[in-house]
N, C-alpha and C. Protein backbone atom coordinates (compact mmCIF):
# COMPACT_ATOMS: atom_id res chain seq x y z
N MET A 1 16.34 13.60 53.71
CA MET A 1 15.63 13.27 54.87
C MET A 1 14.63 14.30 55.49
N VAL A 2 13.87 14.00 56.17
CA VAL A 2 12.45 14.76 56.68
C VAL A 2 12.51 14.58 57.91
N VAL A 3 12.47 15.95 58.43
CA VAL A 3 12.01 15.78 59.97
C VAL A 3 10.96 16.27 60.34
N LYS A 4 9.98 15.42 61.19
CA LYS A 4 8.75 16.11 61.93
C LYS A 4 9.18 16.87 63.22
N ASP A 5 8.65 17.93 63.04
CA ASP A 5 9.03 18.79 64.49
C ASP A 5 8.39 19.38 65.24
N PHE A 6 7.81 19.57 66.37
CA PHE A 6 6.79 20.11 67.16
C PHE A 6 7.29 21.00 68.03
N ALA A 7 8.65 21.65 67.71
CA ALA A 7 9.06 22.36 68.62
C ALA A 7 8.39 23.66 68.47
N LYS A 8 8.53 23.95 67.39
CA LYS A 8 7.83 25.70 67.20
C LYS A 8 6.08 26.07 67.16
N ARG A 9 5.67 24.86 68.06
CA ARG A 9 3.88 24.81 67.94
C ARG A 9 3.85 25.42 69.44
N SER A 10 2.08 25.24 69.24
CA SER A 10 1.62 25.66 70.83
C SER A 10 2.32 24.58 71.55
N TRP A 11 1.97 25.22 73.30
CA TRP A 11 2.19 24.24 73.97
C TRP A 11 1.46 23.07 73.93
N TRP A 12 -0.14 22.96 73.69
CA TRP A 12 -0.81 21.90 73.64
C TRP A 12 -0.17 20.75 72.29
N ARG A 13 -0.09 21.39 71.11
CA ARG A 13 0.09 20.80 70.23
C ARG A 13 1.69 20.40 70.48
N ARG A 14 2.56 20.84 70.59
CA ARG A 14 4.00 20.23 71.37
C ARG A 14 3.65 18.94 72.12
N LEU A 15 2.66 19.31 73.05
CA LEU A 15 2.18 18.01 73.95
C LEU A 15 1.81 16.70 73.03
N ILE A 16 0.82 16.90 71.98
CA ILE A 16 0.54 15.92 71.37
C ILE A 16 1.32 15.32 70.48
N GLY A 17 2.10 16.64 69.92
CA GLY A 17 3.38 16.00 68.72
C GLY A 17 4.55 15.27 69.62
N ARG A 18 4.47 15.48 70.75
CA ARG A 18 5.69 14.53 71.70
C ARG A 18 5.05 13.33 71.77
N LEU A 19 3.85 13.22 72.13
CA LEU A 19 3.18 11.47 72.16
C LEU A 19 3.23 10.75 70.45
N GLU A 20 2.68 11.86 69.33
CA GLU A 20 2.84 11.12 67.97
C GLU A 20 4.39 10.79 67.88
N VAL A 21 5.35 11.62 67.69
CA VAL A 21 6.88 11.38 67.85
C VAL A 21 7.02 10.23 68.46
N ASN A 22 6.89 10.10 69.74
CA ASN A 22 7.18 8.73 70.43
C ASN A 22 6.44 7.63 69.78
N ARG A 23 5.56 7.43 69.47
CA ARG A 23 4.67 6.32 68.87
C ARG A 23 5.24 6.15 67.82
N GLU A 24 5.56 7.16 66.80
CA GLU A 24 6.15 6.57 65.71
C GLU A 24 7.57 6.37 65.82
N CYS A 25 8.11 6.71 66.66
CA CYS A 25 9.47 6.07 66.44
C CYS A 25 9.48 5.08 66.94
N ARG A 26 8.37 4.35 68.14
CA ARG A 26 8.53 3.00 68.66
C ARG A 26 8.08 1.98 67.47
N ALA A 27 6.82 2.47 66.37
CA ALA A 27 6.79 1.84 65.12
C ALA A 27 7.78 1.70 64.59
N TYR A 28 8.50 2.67 63.87
CA TYR A 28 9.79 2.41 62.95
C TYR A 28 11.04 1.17 63.74
N THR A 29 10.77 1.37 65.08
CA THR A 29 12.07 0.25 65.57
C THR A 29 11.14 -0.49 65.56
N TYR A 30 10.36 -0.85 66.08
CA TYR A 30 9.40 -2.26 65.81
C TYR A 30 9.40 -3.08 64.70
N LEU A 31 9.13 -2.23 63.65
CA LEU A 31 9.17 -2.91 62.12
C LEU A 31 10.51 -3.41 61.82
N GLY A 32 11.69 -2.71 62.16
CA GLY A 32 12.90 -2.45 61.45
C GLY A 32 12.73 -2.19 59.77
N PRO A 33 13.93 -2.22 59.44
CA PRO A 33 14.05 -2.02 58.10
C PRO A 33 12.95 -2.63 57.20
N MET A 34 12.34 -1.58 56.33
CA MET A 34 11.19 -2.60 55.13
C MET A 34 11.10 -1.71 54.14
N PRO A 35 10.97 -2.96 53.15
CA PRO A 35 10.96 -2.16 51.60
C PRO A 35 9.85 -1.12 51.50
N TRP A 36 8.53 -1.23 52.42
CA TRP A 36 7.67 -0.41 52.40
C TRP A 36 7.44 0.93 53.45
N PHE A 37 8.53 1.05 53.94
CA PHE A 37 8.68 2.27 54.76
C PHE A 37 9.71 2.97 54.21
N PRO A 38 9.70 4.36 54.51
CA PRO A 38 11.02 5.18 54.48
C PRO A 38 11.73 4.95 55.68
N ALA A 39 13.33 5.00 55.35
CA ALA A 39 14.16 4.29 56.56
C ALA A 39 14.01 5.64 57.49
N TYR A 40 14.33 4.87 58.92
CA TYR A 40 13.87 5.62 60.14
C TYR A 40 15.42 5.89 60.40
N ILE A 41 15.40 7.31 60.47
CA ILE A 41 16.89 8.10 60.83
C ILE A 41 17.33 7.85 62.38
N GLY A 42 16.20 8.66 63.02
CA GLY A 42 16.24 8.77 64.62
C GLY A 42 15.71 9.74 64.81
N ARG A 43 15.38 9.76 66.49
CA ARG A 43 14.77 10.88 67.05
C ARG A 43 15.45 11.69 67.18
N ILE A 44 15.27 12.91 67.13
CA ILE A 44 16.32 14.19 66.99
C ILE A 44 16.14 14.80 68.67
N ASP A 45 15.02 14.90 68.96
CA ASP A 45 14.85 15.07 70.53
C ASP A 45 13.38 14.93 70.71
N ASP A 46 12.52 15.39 72.09
CA ASP A 46 11.82 14.95 72.18
C ASP A 46 10.59 15.19 71.29
N ASN A 47 10.85 16.01 70.80
CA ASN A 47 9.60 17.11 70.18
C ASN A 47 9.62 16.84 68.49
N ALA A 48 10.77 15.93 68.22
CA ALA A 48 11.10 15.72 66.48
C ALA A 48 11.77 14.49 66.17
N LEU A 49 11.54 13.93 65.15
CA LEU A 49 12.39 12.84 64.76
C LEU A 49 12.48 12.60 63.24
N ALA A 50 13.66 12.05 62.44
CA ALA A 50 13.55 12.25 61.24
C ALA A 50 13.94 10.88 60.45
N VAL A 51 13.18 10.94 58.92
CA VAL A 51 13.04 9.85 58.23
C VAL A 51 13.58 10.31 57.09
N GLU A 52 13.52 9.21 56.10
CA GLU A 52 14.14 9.30 54.88
C GLU A 52 13.07 10.12 53.82
N LYS A 53 13.81 11.06 53.10
CA LYS A 53 12.67 12.03 52.30
C LYS A 53 12.20 10.73 51.07
N VAL A 54 11.15 10.27 50.97
CA VAL A 54 10.58 9.83 49.71
C VAL A 54 10.26 10.33 48.65
N GLU A 55 10.90 10.21 47.53
CA GLU A 55 10.78 11.16 46.40
C GLU A 55 9.85 10.42 45.68
N GLY A 56 8.66 10.76 45.30
CA GLY A 56 7.72 10.31 44.68
C GLY A 56 6.43 11.12 44.67
N ILE A 57 5.37 10.33 44.20
CA ILE A 57 4.15 11.13 44.12
C ILE A 57 3.05 9.97 44.86
N THR A 58 1.97 10.37 44.83
CA THR A 58 1.34 9.58 45.67
C THR A 58 0.33 8.86 44.89
N LEU A 59 0.30 7.60 45.21
CA LEU A 59 -0.13 6.27 44.40
C LEU A 59 -0.99 6.71 43.30
N ARG A 60 -2.15 7.37 44.13
CA ARG A 60 -3.50 7.36 43.45
C ARG A 60 -3.67 8.48 42.41
N PHE A 61 -2.41 8.84 42.14
CA PHE A 61 -2.38 9.88 41.07
C PHE A 61 -1.33 9.52 40.04
N ALA A 62 -0.58 8.70 40.22
CA ALA A 62 0.40 7.76 39.63
C ALA A 62 0.10 8.01 38.12
N GLY A 63 0.35 8.41 37.18
CA GLY A 63 0.35 8.24 35.69
C GLY A 63 0.44 6.51 35.21
N ASP A 64 0.99 5.64 35.58
CA ASP A 64 0.87 4.40 35.17
C ASP A 64 -0.05 3.19 36.12
N ILE A 65 -1.02 4.05 36.45
CA ILE A 65 -1.91 3.39 37.06
C ILE A 65 -2.69 2.09 35.91
N ASP A 66 -3.00 2.77 34.77
CA ASP A 66 -3.63 1.66 34.33
C ASP A 66 -2.77 0.50 33.58
N ASP A 67 -1.57 0.71 33.26
CA ASP A 67 -0.36 -0.34 33.11
C ASP A 67 0.08 -1.35 34.18
N LYS A 68 0.19 -0.75 35.28
CA LYS A 68 0.68 -1.24 36.40
C LYS A 68 -0.34 -1.43 37.64
N ARG A 69 -1.65 -1.39 37.41
CA ARG A 69 -2.48 -1.56 38.64
C ARG A 69 -1.95 -2.85 39.43
N GLU A 70 -2.10 -4.17 38.57
CA GLU A 70 -1.90 -5.19 39.34
C GLU A 70 -0.73 -5.36 40.21
N ASP A 71 0.55 -4.79 39.55
CA ASP A 71 1.67 -4.36 40.50
C ASP A 71 1.63 -3.81 41.47
N TYR A 72 0.95 -2.60 41.73
CA TYR A 72 0.69 -1.95 42.70
C TYR A 72 -0.04 -2.46 43.52
N LEU A 73 -1.27 -3.08 43.27
CA LEU A 73 -2.14 -3.80 44.33
C LEU A 73 -1.14 -5.19 44.90
N GLY A 74 -0.51 -5.91 44.23
CA GLY A 74 0.29 -6.88 44.46
C GLY A 74 1.37 -6.26 45.71
N GLN A 75 1.72 -5.17 45.71
CA GLN A 75 2.72 -4.93 46.40
C GLN A 75 1.69 -4.08 47.88
N LEU A 76 0.99 -3.87 47.57
CA LEU A 76 0.23 -3.23 48.45
C LEU A 76 -0.41 -4.45 49.41
N ARG A 77 -0.72 -5.79 48.42
CA ARG A 77 -1.11 -6.75 49.37
C ARG A 77 -0.16 -7.67 50.20
N THR A 78 1.03 -7.50 49.27
CA THR A 78 2.02 -8.01 50.08
C THR A 78 2.65 -7.20 51.30
N ALA A 79 2.57 -6.05 51.01
CA ALA A 79 3.12 -5.03 52.28
C ALA A 79 1.61 -5.54 53.53
N MET A 80 1.13 -5.57 53.14
CA MET A 80 -0.07 -5.60 54.40
C MET A 80 -0.26 -7.34 54.92
N GLU A 81 0.01 -7.76 54.09
CA GLU A 81 -0.17 -9.31 54.44
C GLU A 81 1.30 -9.60 55.58
N ARG A 82 2.47 -9.09 55.58
CA ARG A 82 3.42 -8.84 56.02
C ARG A 82 3.33 -8.25 57.37
N LEU A 83 2.51 -7.03 57.34
CA LEU A 83 2.06 -6.01 58.44
C LEU A 83 1.06 -7.02 59.26
N THR A 84 0.39 -7.82 58.65
CA THR A 84 -0.72 -8.34 59.36
C THR A 84 -0.19 -9.45 60.19
N GLU A 85 1.31 -10.39 59.97
CA GLU A 85 1.84 -11.21 60.45
C GLU A 85 2.26 -10.36 61.90
N LEU A 86 3.05 -9.34 61.39
CA LEU A 86 3.52 -8.61 62.81
C LEU A 86 2.66 -7.98 63.61
N GLY A 87 1.49 -8.19 63.47
CA GLY A 87 0.22 -7.49 64.29
C GLY A 87 0.35 -6.26 64.20
N PHE A 88 0.65 -5.50 62.94
CA PHE A 88 0.62 -4.00 63.09
C PHE A 88 -0.25 -3.19 62.12
N LEU A 89 -0.96 -2.29 62.74
CA LEU A 89 -2.03 -1.41 62.21
C LEU A 89 -1.50 -0.72 61.70
N HIS A 90 -1.48 -0.12 60.45
CA HIS A 90 -1.42 1.23 59.92
C HIS A 90 -2.57 1.77 59.60
N LEU A 91 -2.89 2.86 60.58
CA LEU A 91 -4.18 3.20 60.53
C LEU A 91 -4.74 4.19 59.82
N ASP A 92 -3.81 4.78 58.88
CA ASP A 92 -3.71 5.61 57.90
C ASP A 92 -3.72 4.90 56.42
N ALA A 93 -3.83 3.98 56.41
CA ALA A 93 -3.23 2.81 55.17
C ALA A 93 -4.30 3.08 54.16
N ARG A 94 -5.59 3.83 54.57
CA ARG A 94 -6.49 4.07 53.71
C ARG A 94 -6.79 5.37 53.01
N ALA A 95 -5.67 6.32 53.48
CA ALA A 95 -5.85 7.60 53.16
C ALA A 95 -5.03 7.78 51.85
N TYR A 96 -5.21 8.19 50.86
CA TYR A 96 -4.52 8.04 49.73
C TYR A 96 -3.11 8.86 49.75
N ARG A 97 -3.01 9.75 50.79
CA ARG A 97 -1.87 10.78 50.80
C ARG A 97 -0.74 9.93 51.54
N ASN A 98 -1.14 8.91 52.14
CA ASN A 98 0.13 8.12 52.88
C ASN A 98 0.56 7.16 52.07
N VAL A 99 0.12 6.89 50.84
CA VAL A 99 0.74 5.77 50.27
C VAL A 99 1.31 6.53 49.01
N LEU A 100 2.70 6.11 48.64
CA LEU A 100 3.48 7.00 47.55
C LEU A 100 4.03 6.03 46.72
N ARG A 101 4.48 6.36 45.40
CA ARG A 101 4.84 5.38 44.36
C ARG A 101 6.33 6.47 44.10
N ARG A 102 7.55 5.75 44.55
CA ARG A 102 8.46 6.02 44.23
C ARG A 102 8.95 6.05 42.73
N PRO A 103 9.63 6.68 42.37
CA PRO A 103 10.06 6.81 40.54
C PRO A 103 10.26 5.14 40.03
N ASP A 104 10.84 4.52 41.01
CA ASP A 104 11.10 2.97 40.69
C ASP A 104 10.52 2.14 40.94
N GLY A 105 8.58 2.59 40.87
CA GLY A 105 7.75 1.96 41.02
C GLY A 105 7.57 1.00 42.31
N ARG A 106 8.15 1.37 43.56
CA ARG A 106 8.14 0.71 44.69
C ARG A 106 7.02 1.48 45.46
N VAL A 107 6.04 0.85 46.19
CA VAL A 107 5.04 1.62 46.82
C VAL A 107 5.58 1.58 48.42
N VAL A 108 5.27 2.83 49.18
CA VAL A 108 5.84 3.30 50.30
C VAL A 108 4.72 4.06 51.03
N PHE A 109 4.62 3.04 52.47
CA PHE A 109 3.52 3.84 53.35
C PHE A 109 4.58 4.83 54.14
N ILE A 110 3.95 5.99 54.49
CA ILE A 110 4.17 7.42 55.25
C ILE A 110 3.24 7.35 56.46
N ASP A 111 3.66 8.09 57.31
CA ASP A 111 3.14 8.37 58.43
C ASP A 111 2.65 7.53 59.79
N LEU A 112 3.28 6.69 60.23
CA LEU A 112 3.44 6.11 60.98
C LEU A 112 2.59 6.34 62.48
N ALA A 113 2.65 8.02 62.87
CA ALA A 113 1.87 8.36 64.06
C ALA A 113 1.22 7.64 64.55
N GLY A 114 -0.06 7.11 63.93
CA GLY A 114 -1.48 6.43 63.74
C GLY A 114 -1.51 5.34 63.89
N SER A 115 -0.44 4.55 63.89
CA SER A 115 -0.16 3.11 64.26
C SER A 115 -0.35 2.39 65.69
N PHE A 116 -0.66 1.04 65.72
CA PHE A 116 -1.16 0.30 66.81
C PHE A 116 -0.61 -1.13 66.43
N TRP A 117 0.02 -1.87 67.42
CA TRP A 117 0.97 -2.98 67.29
C TRP A 117 0.73 -3.73 68.18
N ILE A 118 0.49 -5.18 67.80
CA ILE A 118 0.56 -6.32 68.96
C ILE A 118 1.46 -7.31 68.56
N PRO A 119 2.66 -7.41 69.32
CA PRO A 119 3.81 -8.24 68.80
C PRO A 119 2.94 -9.59 68.88
N PRO A 120 3.25 -10.83 67.59
CA PRO A 120 3.09 -12.11 67.79
C PRO A 120 3.23 -13.22 68.93
N GLY A 121 2.51 -13.68 69.36
CA GLY A 121 2.50 -14.60 70.39
C GLY A 121 1.87 -14.40 71.49
N ARG A 122 1.66 -12.66 71.46
CA ARG A 122 0.70 -12.73 72.53
C ARG A 122 -0.65 -12.61 72.37
N LEU A 123 -1.51 -12.87 73.63
CA LEU A 123 -2.88 -12.79 73.54
C LEU A 123 -3.64 -12.19 72.23
N GLY A 124 -3.60 -11.08 72.62
CA GLY A 124 -4.10 -10.03 71.83
C GLY A 124 -3.87 -10.45 70.08
N HIS A 125 -2.74 -10.42 70.11
CA HIS A 125 -2.56 -10.89 68.50
C HIS A 125 -3.24 -11.98 68.17
N ARG A 126 -3.42 -13.43 68.98
CA ARG A 126 -4.11 -14.30 68.29
C ARG A 126 -5.35 -14.04 68.59
N VAL A 127 -5.88 -13.01 69.24
CA VAL A 127 -7.34 -12.35 69.40
C VAL A 127 -7.51 -11.87 68.05
N LEU A 128 -6.93 -10.83 67.83
CA LEU A 128 -7.17 -10.06 67.09
C LEU A 128 -6.61 -9.99 65.64
N ARG A 129 -6.00 -11.06 65.53
CA ARG A 129 -5.10 -11.20 64.05
C ARG A 129 -6.26 -11.29 63.00
N ARG A 130 -7.26 -11.88 63.16
CA ARG A 130 -8.51 -12.03 62.35
C ARG A 130 -8.79 -10.50 61.68
N PHE A 131 -8.96 -10.04 62.71
CA PHE A 131 -9.40 -8.51 62.65
C PHE A 131 -8.59 -7.61 61.68
N ILE A 132 -7.42 -7.91 62.53
CA ILE A 132 -6.24 -7.10 61.36
C ILE A 132 -6.17 -7.58 60.01
N ALA A 133 -6.12 -8.60 59.54
CA ALA A 133 -6.63 -9.23 58.03
C ALA A 133 -7.69 -8.64 57.42
N LEU A 134 -8.59 -8.59 58.31
CA LEU A 134 -10.23 -8.08 57.92
C LEU A 134 -9.95 -6.73 57.93
N TYR A 135 -9.25 -6.03 58.51
CA TYR A 135 -8.99 -4.26 58.23
C TYR A 135 -8.22 -3.92 56.81
N TYR A 136 -7.00 -4.83 56.93
CA TYR A 136 -6.35 -4.84 55.57
C TYR A 136 -6.51 -5.23 54.31
N GLU A 137 -7.75 -6.35 54.23
CA GLU A 137 -8.17 -6.65 53.07
C GLU A 137 -9.37 -5.58 52.72
N ALA A 138 -9.93 -4.77 53.79
CA ALA A 138 -10.96 -3.67 53.29
C ALA A 138 -9.67 -2.52 52.91
N ASN A 139 -8.65 -2.73 53.17
CA ASN A 139 -8.02 -1.24 52.58
C ASN A 139 -7.74 -1.72 51.04
N ILE A 140 -7.11 -3.33 50.89
CA ILE A 140 -7.06 -3.76 49.55
C ILE A 140 -8.19 -3.35 48.55
N ILE A 141 -9.37 -3.68 49.30
CA ILE A 141 -10.59 -3.36 48.51
C ILE A 141 -10.87 -1.87 47.85
N LYS A 142 -10.58 -1.15 48.91
CA LYS A 142 -10.44 0.54 48.51
C LYS A 142 -9.79 0.86 47.69
N TRP A 143 -8.56 0.13 47.62
CA TRP A 143 -7.32 0.62 46.59
C TRP A 143 -7.77 -0.06 45.26
N GLU A 144 -7.98 -1.18 45.34
CA GLU A 144 -8.87 -1.42 44.07
C GLU A 144 -10.01 -0.48 43.38
N THR A 145 -10.71 0.04 44.59
CA THR A 145 -11.77 0.72 43.81
C THR A 145 -10.92 2.14 43.04
N MET A 146 -9.85 2.79 43.95
CA MET A 146 -9.13 4.20 43.75
C MET A 146 -8.64 3.87 42.36
N LEU A 147 -8.02 2.73 42.24
CA LEU A 147 -7.06 2.27 41.26
C LEU A 147 -7.43 1.66 39.94
N ALA A 148 -8.88 1.89 40.36
CA ALA A 148 -9.89 1.22 39.04
C ALA A 148 -9.51 1.55 37.83
N PRO A 149 -9.60 0.81 36.75
CA PRO A 149 -9.46 1.52 35.02
C PRO A 149 -10.47 2.47 34.97
N GLY A 150 -9.90 3.88 34.64
CA GLY A 150 -10.65 5.14 34.20
C GLY A 150 -11.33 5.84 35.81
N GLY A 151 -10.53 5.47 36.74
CA GLY A 151 -10.51 6.26 38.25
C GLY A 151 -11.29 5.62 39.11
N ASP A 152 -11.49 6.59 40.11
CA ASP A 152 -12.56 5.81 41.01
C ASP A 152 -13.69 6.10 40.66
N PRO A 153 -14.57 5.02 40.62
CA PRO A 153 -16.09 5.18 40.26
C PRO A 153 -16.85 5.97 41.27
N ARG A 154 -16.74 6.20 42.33
CA ARG A 154 -17.49 7.09 43.32
C ARG A 154 -17.20 8.37 43.34
N LYS A 155 -15.54 9.04 42.58
CA LYS A 155 -15.49 10.00 42.70
C LYS A 155 -16.51 10.86 41.75
N GLY A 156 -17.05 12.35 42.31
CA GLY A 156 -18.17 12.74 41.53
C GLY A 156 -19.23 12.79 42.33
N GLN A 157 -19.73 11.63 42.93
CA GLN A 157 -20.83 11.26 43.74
C GLN A 157 -21.09 11.95 45.08
N ALA A 158 -22.37 12.30 45.45
CA ALA A 158 -22.65 12.89 46.76
C ALA A 158 -21.92 12.03 47.81
N LYS A 159 -20.98 12.46 48.34
CA LYS A 159 -20.53 11.87 49.61
C LYS A 159 -21.26 11.38 51.14
N PRO A 160 -21.26 9.69 51.37
CA PRO A 160 -22.05 9.80 51.96
C PRO A 160 -21.73 9.72 53.44
N PRO A 161 -21.99 9.76 54.69
CA PRO A 161 -21.72 10.16 55.92
C PRO A 161 -20.29 9.30 56.37
N ARG A 162 -19.68 9.97 56.92
CA ARG A 162 -18.37 9.54 57.35
C ARG A 162 -18.53 8.16 58.00
N TYR A 163 -17.36 7.38 57.03
CA TYR A 163 -16.93 5.83 57.51
C TYR A 163 -18.00 4.90 56.57
N VAL A 164 -19.00 5.20 56.04
CA VAL A 164 -19.83 4.48 55.39
C VAL A 164 -19.05 3.79 54.26
N HIS A 165 -18.30 4.44 53.65
CA HIS A 165 -17.45 3.78 52.77
C HIS A 165 -16.93 2.60 53.46
N GLY A 166 -16.08 2.92 54.06
CA GLY A 166 -15.09 2.16 55.02
C GLY A 166 -15.98 0.87 55.56
N LEU A 167 -16.91 1.06 56.09
CA LEU A 167 -17.55 -0.04 56.72
C LEU A 167 -18.61 -1.05 55.77
N VAL A 168 -18.80 -0.23 54.46
CA VAL A 168 -19.14 -1.36 53.18
C VAL A 168 -17.55 -1.90 52.66
N ASP A 169 -16.40 -1.69 52.90
CA ASP A 169 -15.53 -2.25 52.18
C ASP A 169 -14.98 -3.46 53.68
N MET A 170 -15.29 -3.29 54.51
CA MET A 170 -15.00 -3.87 55.72
C MET A 170 -16.09 -5.25 55.45
N TRP A 171 -17.26 -5.21 55.28
CA TRP A 171 -18.15 -6.05 54.59
C TRP A 171 -17.72 -6.81 53.58
N ARG A 172 -17.49 -5.94 52.67
CA ARG A 172 -17.06 -6.77 51.73
C ARG A 172 -15.75 -7.76 51.47
N ALA A 173 -14.55 -7.28 52.42
CA ALA A 173 -13.32 -7.80 52.92
C ALA A 173 -14.05 -9.29 53.71
N TRP A 174 -15.03 -9.12 54.75
CA TRP A 174 -15.36 -9.97 55.98
C TRP A 174 -15.93 -11.31 54.35
N LYS A 175 -16.91 -10.78 53.63
CA LYS A 175 -17.26 -12.06 52.47
C LYS A 175 -16.14 -12.62 51.93
N ARG A 176 -15.25 -11.63 51.25
CA ARG A 176 -14.15 -12.11 50.90
C ARG A 176 -13.25 -13.24 51.43
N LEU A 177 -12.63 -12.81 52.84
CA LEU A 177 -12.18 -13.75 53.15
C LEU A 177 -12.82 -14.84 53.94
N ARG A 178 -13.87 -14.68 53.95
CA ARG A 178 -14.75 -16.33 54.15
C ARG A 178 -15.13 -16.91 53.09
N ASN A 179 -15.21 -16.36 52.08
CA ASN A 179 -15.02 -17.46 51.00
C ASN A 179 -13.68 -18.17 50.41
N GLU A 180 -12.86 -17.46 50.77
CA GLU A 180 -11.43 -17.72 50.69
C GLU A 180 -11.27 -19.14 51.39
N THR A 181 -11.65 -19.20 52.58
CA THR A 181 -11.46 -19.97 53.53
C THR A 181 -12.53 -21.34 53.53
N ARG A 182 -13.28 -21.46 52.61
CA ARG A 182 -14.21 -22.26 52.53
C ARG A 182 -13.56 -22.95 51.22
């Protein structure tokens, strides 16, 4: 079990932590049990929650990427398609530290504090569903790059201003989704 606890932090960090804990608890409750997330154990108090401890390593540093790249990308795509259907945005799914590989090879997302969701059937879901799909397709493109044979081709290059890679990936995702609908 992992406990995310903000009780011993400064007053302002406890305040922000309380909001994060509340949001993360609501996210786990909304999603229910899913194979791509650690099991939600429960809220301990206003400042803490408990989730299953995920044994594993960050997917980006898994030793078997060359052999299982397509399997990992397939798992990521399946998870992101399901999250799109639910109107759920895991806003840190692009961050390599938030996607782990369990010893059994299953991909798991962690840290739902920065998530956002609009339940299906609501006007917001109907309006934003295409954006959510676009967002996750951009995530897939980033993961395709990070899991590329031989490693991330962008590694070692001068880093562009913040969000440039994200915008480029969103553009590529838009083109890919547009071509799929034709």
